[in-house]
Amino acid sequence: MEAAHMTPEGAIIALVFAMSIIGVIGWMLHLPEETPTTLRVARAVRHAERANRILVPVQGTALSDRMIALGAQMAKAREAQMEVYYVIVIPWTLPIDADLPKPEAIAKDELERASRIATRYGVPIETSVAHVREPGPAIVDEALRTGADIILMGDIPERPGETRFSATTTYVFSHAPCEVILDRPALDHMTRERAENQRVGELLRRGT
């Protein structure tokens, strides 16, 4: 058997092949460059993982069982506190401390239901009711006051067929001091919740 001989051309081809293999392996192992965007995302993830207070604002009857259940699961996983903050919007035609039995009764029923849902997950929650003029600023103020790490809220478009966020959600997104997680109900639920919110709004306008 004749001994193998390496020609100059063969050596060059072998060298090129080896360098290409090394380049591919290096590309596969190369970590992506950190950019301002990736750094912000990483900080947001770390912040959410160590969250110790979750604020769930509620208005009217737009209380999603799924939203409360999600908040309870998040609170349990993070050993965090959870507050359900019910806002009753008072028209400017009424004093801020107006006596509104029916809206107050609705608020009580909704918060009791929220407590029952959270109890199923073994999570105690704090509940509060506030009379406010504008729900967006009130929610942001409550997050600041209590040191909330996450605001978990529902959103219902102000008019049927819209894809834009409501005015309240837009304000909270723009001014919140913490992470905001949005829960939007399925379209069939929106119609029922919108009708119920209109009923509650009518009660407020009547001041009953």
C-alpha atoms as a PDB file:
ATOM      1  CA  MET A   1       0.000   0.000   0.000  1.00  0.00           C
ATOM      2  CA  GLU A   2       1.365   3.354  -0.962  1.00  0.00           C
ATOM      3  CA  ALA A   3       1.819   5.955   1.785  1.00  0.00           C
ATOM      4  CA  ALA A   4      -0.549   8.932   1.648  1.00  0.00           C
ATOM      5  CA  HIS A   5       1.005  12.144   0.504  1.00  0.00           C
ATOM      6  CA  MET A   6      -0.281  15.637   1.476  1.00  0.00           C
ATOM      7  CA  THR A   7      -0.101  18.083  -1.361  1.00  0.00           C
ATOM      8  CA  PRO A   8      -0.044  21.874  -0.775  1.00  0.00           C
ATOM      9  CA  GLU A   9      -3.534  22.138  -2.284  1.00  0.00           C
ATOM     10  CA  GLY A  10      -4.834  19.442   0.058  1.00  0.00           C
ATOM     11  CA  ALA A  11      -3.317  21.155   3.072  1.00  0.00           C
ATOM     12  CA  ILE A  12      -5.016  24.421   2.135  1.00  0.00           C
ATOM     13  CA  ILE A  13      -8.409  22.690   1.692  1.00  0.00           C
ATOM     14  CA  ALA A  14      -8.038  20.911   5.049  1.00  0.00           C
ATOM     15  CA  LEU A  15      -7.122  24.177   6.770  1.00  0.00           C
ATOM     16  CA  VAL A  16     -10.098  25.997   5.259  1.00  0.00           C
ATOM     17  CA  PHE A  17     -12.434  23.167   6.308  1.00  0.00           C
ATOM     18  CA  ALA A  18     -11.105  23.182   9.870  1.00  0.00           C
ATOM     19  CA  MET A  19     -11.464  26.946  10.139  1.00  0.00           C
ATOM     20  CA  SER A  20     -15.040  26.781   8.875  1.00  0.00           C
ATOM     21  CA  ILE A  21     -15.944  24.161  11.503  1.00  0.00           C
ATOM     22  CA  ILE A  22     -14.355  26.285  14.232  1.00  0.00           C
ATOM     23  CA  GLY A  23     -16.275  29.327  12.993  1.00  0.00           C
ATOM     24  CA  VAL A  24     -19.617  27.503  13.081  1.00  0.00           C
ATOM     25  CA  ILE A  25     -18.987  26.213  16.605  1.00  0.00           C
ATOM     26  CA  GLY A  26     -17.934  29.679  17.725  1.00  0.00           C
ATOM     27  CA  TRP A  27     -21.100  31.205  16.233  1.00  0.00           C
ATOM     28  CA  MET A  28     -23.278  28.624  18.011  1.00  0.00           C
ATOM     29  CA  LEU A  29     -21.626  29.307  21.349  1.00  0.00           C
ATOM     30  CA  HIS A  30     -21.505  33.092  20.980  1.00  0.00           C
ATOM     31  CA  LEU A  31     -23.778  34.880  23.429  1.00  0.00           C
ATOM     32  CA  PRO A  32     -25.976  37.606  21.903  1.00  0.00           C
ATOM     33  CA  GLU A  33     -24.839  41.131  22.607  1.00  0.00           C
ATOM     34  CA  GLU A  34     -26.654  42.844  25.435  1.00  0.00           C
ATOM     35  CA  THR A  35     -28.608  45.869  24.260  1.00  0.00           C
ATOM     36  CA  PRO A  36     -30.606  48.453  26.233  1.00  0.00           C
ATOM     37  CA  THR A  37     -33.778  46.572  25.238  1.00  0.00           C
ATOM     38  CA  THR A  38     -32.563  43.165  26.432  1.00  0.00           C
ATOM     39  CA  LEU A  39     -31.343  44.713  29.668  1.00  0.00           C
ATOM     40  CA  ARG A  40     -34.742  46.351  30.309  1.00  0.00           C
ATOM     41  CA  VAL A  41     -36.527  43.050  29.644  1.00  0.00           C
ATOM     42  CA  ALA A  42     -34.190  41.211  32.010  1.00  0.00           C
ATOM     43  CA  ARG A  43     -34.795  43.802  34.730  1.00  0.00           C
ATOM     44  CA  ALA A  44     -38.564  43.529  34.234  1.00  0.00           C
ATOM     45  CA  VAL A  45     -38.421  39.737  34.568  1.00  0.00           C
ATOM     46  CA  ARG A  46     -36.330  39.940  37.718  1.00  0.00           C
ATOM     47  CA  HIS A  47     -38.656  42.592  39.124  1.00  0.00           C
ATOM     48  CA  ALA A  48     -41.762  40.465  38.496  1.00  0.00           C
ATOM     49  CA  GLU A  49     -40.112  37.394  40.019  1.00  0.00           C
ATOM     50  CA  ARG A  50     -39.417  39.189  43.287  1.00  0.00           C
ATOM     51  CA  ALA A  51     -42.704  41.119  43.429  1.00  0.00           C
ATOM     52  CA  ASN A  52     -44.089  41.208  46.952  1.00  0.00           C
ATOM     53  CA  ARG A  53     -47.290  43.209  46.443  1.00  0.00           C
ATOM     54  CA  ILE A  54     -49.894  42.855  43.704  1.00  0.00           C
ATOM     55  CA  LEU A  55     -52.625  45.452  43.218  1.00  0.00           C
ATOM     56  CA  VAL A  56     -55.845  44.407  41.449  1.00  0.00           C
ATOM     57  CA  PRO A  57     -58.054  47.454  40.774  1.00  0.00           C
ATOM     58  CA  VAL A  58     -61.754  46.878  40.067  1.00  0.00           C
ATOM     59  CA  GLN A  59     -64.464  49.192  38.795  1.00  0.00           C
ATOM     60  CA  GLY A  60     -68.177  48.468  38.374  1.00  0.00           C
ATOM     61  CA  THR A  61     -68.705  44.745  37.904  1.00  0.00           C
ATOM     62  CA  ALA A  62     -65.747  44.261  35.583  1.00  0.00           C
ATOM     63  CA  LEU A  63     -64.327  41.778  38.064  1.00  0.00           C
ATOM     64  CA  SER A  64     -63.001  38.829  36.133  1.00  0.00           C
ATOM     65  CA  ASP A  65     -62.868  35.581  38.078  1.00  0.00           C
ATOM     66  CA  ARG A  66     -59.920  34.668  35.873  1.00  0.00           C
ATOM     67  CA  MET A  67     -58.148  37.891  36.820  1.00  0.00           C
ATOM     68  CA  ILE A  68     -58.575  37.302  40.552  1.00  0.00           C
ATOM     69  CA  ALA A  69     -57.503  33.690  40.147  1.00  0.00           C
ATOM     70  CA  LEU A  70     -54.424  34.802  38.201  1.00  0.00           C
ATOM     71  CA  GLY A  71     -53.560  37.347  40.865  1.00  0.00           C
ATOM     72  CA  ALA A  72     -53.966  34.736  43.589  1.00  0.00           C
ATOM     73  CA  GLN A  73     -51.710  32.292  41.752  1.00  0.00           C
ATOM     74  CA  MET A  74     -49.082  34.977  41.233  1.00  0.00           C
ATOM     75  CA  ALA A  75     -49.270  35.993  44.900  1.00  0.00           C
ATOM     76  CA  LYS A  76     -48.968  32.384  46.056  1.00  0.00           C
ATOM     77  CA  ALA A  77     -46.011  31.621  43.787  1.00  0.00           C
ATOM     78  CA  ARG A  78     -44.155  34.746  44.943  1.00  0.00           C
ATOM     79  CA  GLU A  79     -45.373  34.702  48.548  1.00  0.00           C
ATOM     80  CA  ALA A  80     -46.670  38.196  47.840  1.00  0.00           C
ATOM     81  CA  GLN A  81     -49.481  40.272  49.293  1.00  0.00           C
ATOM     82  CA  MET A  82     -52.519  40.917  47.122  1.00  0.00           C
ATOM     83  CA  GLU A  83     -54.916  43.850  47.339  1.00  0.00           C
ATOM     84  CA  VAL A  84     -58.215  44.158  45.487  1.00  0.00           C
ATOM     85  CA  TYR A  85     -58.904  47.880  45.190  1.00  0.00           C
ATOM     86  CA  TYR A  86     -62.513  48.687  44.298  1.00  0.00           C
ATOM     87  CA  VAL A  87     -63.120  52.189  42.929  1.00  0.00           C
ATOM     88  CA  ILE A  88     -66.532  53.833  42.849  1.00  0.00           C
ATOM     89  CA  VAL A  89     -66.450  56.745  40.429  1.00  0.00           C
ATOM     90  CA  ILE A  90     -68.363  59.718  41.832  1.00  0.00           C
ATOM     91  CA  PRO A  91     -69.774  62.187  39.280  1.00  0.00           C
ATOM     92  CA  TRP A  92     -68.799  65.820  39.746  1.00  0.00           C
ATOM     93  CA  THR A  93     -72.478  66.589  40.365  1.00  0.00           C
ATOM     94  CA  LEU A  94     -72.278  64.712  43.667  1.00  0.00           C
ATOM     95  CA  PRO A  95     -70.059  65.258  46.723  1.00  0.00           C
ATOM     96  CA  ILE A  96     -67.110  62.875  46.925  1.00  0.00           C
ATOM     97  CA  ASP A  97     -68.471  61.352  50.138  1.00  0.00           C
ATOM     98  CA  ALA A  98     -71.993  60.893  48.757  1.00  0.00           C
ATOM     99  CA  ASP A  99     -74.028  58.070  50.282  1.00  0.00           C
ATOM    100  CA  LEU A 100     -74.587  55.530  47.490  1.00  0.00           C
ATOM    101  CA  PRO A 101     -76.174  52.393  48.948  1.00  0.00           C
ATOM    102  CA  LYS A 102     -76.537  50.368  45.748  1.00  0.00           C
ATOM    103  CA  PRO A 103     -73.012  50.906  44.373  1.00  0.00           C
ATOM    104  CA  GLU A 104     -71.629  50.252  47.862  1.00  0.00           C
ATOM    105  CA  ALA A 105     -73.625  47.004  48.013  1.00  0.00           C
ATOM    106  CA  ILE A 106     -72.259  45.969  44.610  1.00  0.00           C
ATOM    107  CA  ALA A 107     -68.732  46.736  45.789  1.00  0.00           C
ATOM    108  CA  LYS A 108     -69.236  44.631  48.910  1.00  0.00           C
ATOM    109  CA  ASP A 109     -70.569  41.675  46.916  1.00  0.00           C
ATOM    110  CA  GLU A 110     -67.714  41.857  44.403  1.00  0.00           C
ATOM    111  CA  LEU A 111     -65.047  41.990  47.096  1.00  0.00           C
ATOM    112  CA  GLU A 112     -66.603  39.089  48.970  1.00  0.00           C
ATOM    113  CA  ARG A 113     -66.537  37.071  45.761  1.00  0.00           C
ATOM    114  CA  ALA A 114     -62.900  38.021  45.218  1.00  0.00           C
ATOM    115  CA  SER A 115     -62.064  36.805  48.732  1.00  0.00           C
ATOM    116  CA  ARG A 116     -63.791  33.484  48.089  1.00  0.00           C
ATOM    117  CA  ILE A 117     -61.858  32.981  44.846  1.00  0.00           C
ATOM    118  CA  ALA A 118     -58.528  33.795  46.505  1.00  0.00           C
ATOM    119  CA  THR A 119     -59.345  31.460  49.402  1.00  0.00           C
ATOM    120  CA  ARG A 120     -59.521  28.564  46.962  1.00  0.00           C
ATOM    121  CA  TYR A 121     -55.845  29.159  46.266  1.00  0.00           C
ATOM    122  CA  GLY A 122     -54.983  29.562  49.924  1.00  0.00           C
ATOM    123  CA  VAL A 123     -54.178  33.253  49.495  1.00  0.00           C
ATOM    124  CA  PRO A 124     -55.437  35.887  51.949  1.00  0.00           C
ATOM    125  CA  ILE A 125     -56.162  39.220  50.292  1.00  0.00           C
ATOM    126  CA  GLU A 126     -56.678  42.793  51.370  1.00  0.00           C
ATOM    127  CA  THR A 127     -59.738  44.615  50.080  1.00  0.00           C
ATOM    128  CA  SER A 128     -60.597  48.300  50.005  1.00  0.00           C
ATOM    129  CA  VAL A 129     -63.244  50.586  48.525  1.00  0.00           C
ATOM    130  CA  ALA A 130     -62.535  54.151  47.420  1.00  0.00           C
ATOM    131  CA  HIS A 131     -64.759  56.988  46.180  1.00  0.00           C
ATOM    132  CA  VAL A 132     -62.870  58.700  43.372  1.00  0.00           C
ATOM    133  CA  ARG A 133     -63.427  61.234  40.621  1.00  0.00           C
ATOM    134  CA  GLU A 134     -61.017  59.698  38.125  1.00  0.00           C
ATOM    135  CA  PRO A 135     -60.162  55.974  38.410  1.00  0.00           C
ATOM    136  CA  GLY A 136     -56.826  56.143  36.558  1.00  0.00           C
ATOM    137  CA  PRO A 137     -55.089  58.617  38.888  1.00  0.00           C
ATOM    138  CA  ALA A 138     -56.662  56.909  41.916  1.00  0.00           C
ATOM    139  CA  ILE A 139     -55.200  53.525  40.899  1.00  0.00           C
ATOM    140  CA  VAL A 140     -51.752  55.005  40.324  1.00  0.00           C
ATOM    141  CA  ASP A 141     -51.912  56.822  43.688  1.00  0.00           C
ATOM    142  CA  GLU A 142     -52.882  53.582  45.445  1.00  0.00           C
ATOM    143  CA  ALA A 143     -49.960  51.754  43.813  1.00  0.00           C
ATOM    144  CA  LEU A 144     -47.608  54.500  44.999  1.00  0.00           C
ATOM    145  CA  ARG A 145     -49.100  54.598  48.493  1.00  0.00           C
ATOM    146  CA  THR A 146     -48.882  50.847  49.054  1.00  0.00           C
ATOM    147  CA  GLY A 147     -45.634  50.200  47.186  1.00  0.00           C
ATOM    148  CA  ALA A 148     -47.221  47.814  44.680  1.00  0.00           C
ATOM    149  CA  ASP A 149     -44.821  45.903  42.425  1.00  0.00           C
ATOM    150  CA  ILE A 150     -47.453  44.764  39.908  1.00  0.00           C
ATOM    151  CA  ILE A 151     -50.825  46.175  38.859  1.00  0.00           C
ATOM    152  CA  LEU A 152     -53.072  43.452  37.449  1.00  0.00           C
ATOM    153  CA  MET A 153     -56.155  44.965  35.867  1.00  0.00           C
ATOM    154  CA  GLY A 154     -58.983  44.260  33.456  1.00  0.00           C
ATOM    155  CA  ASP A 155     -59.873  46.328  30.434  1.00  0.00           C
ATOM    156  CA  ILE A 156     -63.167  46.837  28.619  1.00  0.00           C
ATOM    157  CA  PRO A 157     -63.288  49.131  25.550  1.00  0.00           C
ATOM    158  CA  GLU A 158     -65.439  52.188  26.115  1.00  0.00           C
ATOM    159  CA  ARG A 159     -67.315  51.572  22.840  1.00  0.00           C
ATOM    160  CA  PRO A 160     -68.193  48.259  21.122  1.00  0.00           C
ATOM    161  CA  GLY A 161     -65.780  47.180  18.408  1.00  0.00           C
ATOM    162  CA  GLU A 162     -62.857  49.268  19.637  1.00  0.00           C
ATOM    163  CA  THR A 163     -59.434  47.767  20.065  1.00  0.00           C
ATOM    164  CA  ARG A 164     -58.005  50.760  21.919  1.00  0.00           C
ATOM    165  CA  PHE A 165     -57.529  50.614  25.658  1.00  0.00           C
ATOM    166  CA  SER A 166     -59.990  52.413  27.876  1.00  0.00           C
ATOM    167  CA  ALA A 167     -59.070  55.831  29.262  1.00  0.00           C
ATOM    168  CA  THR A 168     -58.407  54.303  32.689  1.00  0.00           C
ATOM    169  CA  THR A 169     -56.071  51.638  31.324  1.00  0.00           C
ATOM    170  CA  THR A 170     -54.258  54.154  29.131  1.00  0.00           C
ATOM    171  CA  TYR A 171     -53.648  56.433  32.118  1.00  0.00           C
ATOM    172  CA  VAL A 172     -52.387  53.591  34.309  1.00  0.00           C
ATOM    173  CA  PHE A 173     -50.070  52.337  31.550  1.00  0.00           C
ATOM    174  CA  SER A 174     -48.660  55.843  31.141  1.00  0.00           C
ATOM    175  CA  HIS A 175     -48.199  56.716  34.820  1.00  0.00           C
ATOM    176  CA  ALA A 176     -47.878  53.494  36.826  1.00  0.00           C
ATOM    177  CA  PRO A 177     -44.765  53.283  39.024  1.00  0.00           C
ATOM    178  CA  CYS A 178     -44.546  49.506  38.510  1.00  0.00           C
ATOM    179  CA  GLU A 179     -45.255  46.665  36.086  1.00  0.00           C
ATOM    180  CA  VAL A 180     -48.791  46.517  34.622  1.00  0.00           C
ATOM    181  CA  ILE A 181     -50.403  43.268  33.476  1.00  0.00           C
ATOM    182  CA  LEU A 182     -53.635  43.581  31.492  1.00  0.00           C
ATOM    183  CA  ASP A 183     -56.495  41.076  31.399  1.00  0.00           C
ATOM    184  CA  ARG A 184     -59.028  41.666  28.610  1.00  0.00           C
ATOM    185  CA  PRO A 185     -62.144  39.416  28.708  1.00  0.00           C
ATOM    186  CA  ALA A 186     -63.326  37.507  25.668  1.00  0.00           C
ATOM    187  CA  LEU A 187     -65.700  39.477  23.412  1.00  0.00           C
ATOM    188  CA  ASP A 188     -68.850  37.700  24.593  1.00  0.00           C
ATOM    189  CA  HIS A 189     -68.045  38.591  28.206  1.00  0.00           C
ATOM    190  CA  MET A 190     -67.350  42.218  27.283  1.00  0.00           C
ATOM    191  CA  THR A 191     -70.911  42.790  26.150  1.00  0.00           C
ATOM    192  CA  ARG A 192     -72.390  41.560  29.432  1.00  0.00           C
ATOM    193  CA  GLU A 193     -69.874  43.428  31.575  1.00  0.00           C
ATOM    194  CA  ARG A 194     -70.329  46.642  29.587  1.00  0.00           C
ATOM    195  CA  ALA A 195     -74.120  46.480  30.086  1.00  0.00           C
ATOM    196  CA  GLU A 196     -73.682  45.910  33.829  1.00  0.00           C
ATOM    197  CA  ASN A 197     -71.214  48.786  34.102  1.00  0.00           C
ATOM    198  CA  GLN A 198     -73.709  51.056  32.359  1.00  0.00           C
ATOM    199  CA  ARG A 199     -76.326  50.020  34.907  1.00  0.00           C
ATOM    200  CA  VAL A 200     -73.963  50.850  37.771  1.00  0.00           C
ATOM    201  CA  GLY A 201     -73.160  54.180  36.115  1.00  0.00           C
ATOM    202  CA  GLU A 202     -76.846  54.991  35.928  1.00  0.00           C
ATOM    203  CA  LEU A 203     -77.206  54.257  39.639  1.00  0.00           C
ATOM    204  CA  LEU A 204     -74.359  56.669  40.345  1.00  0.00           C
ATOM    205  CA  ARG A 205     -75.919  59.404  38.257  1.00  0.00           C
ATOM    206  CA  ARG A 206     -79.152  58.991  40.185  1.00  0.00           C
ATOM    207  CA  GLY A 207     -77.221  59.115  43.444  1.00  0.00           C
ATOM    208  CA  THR A 208     -79.007  56.059  44.805  1.00  0.00           C
END
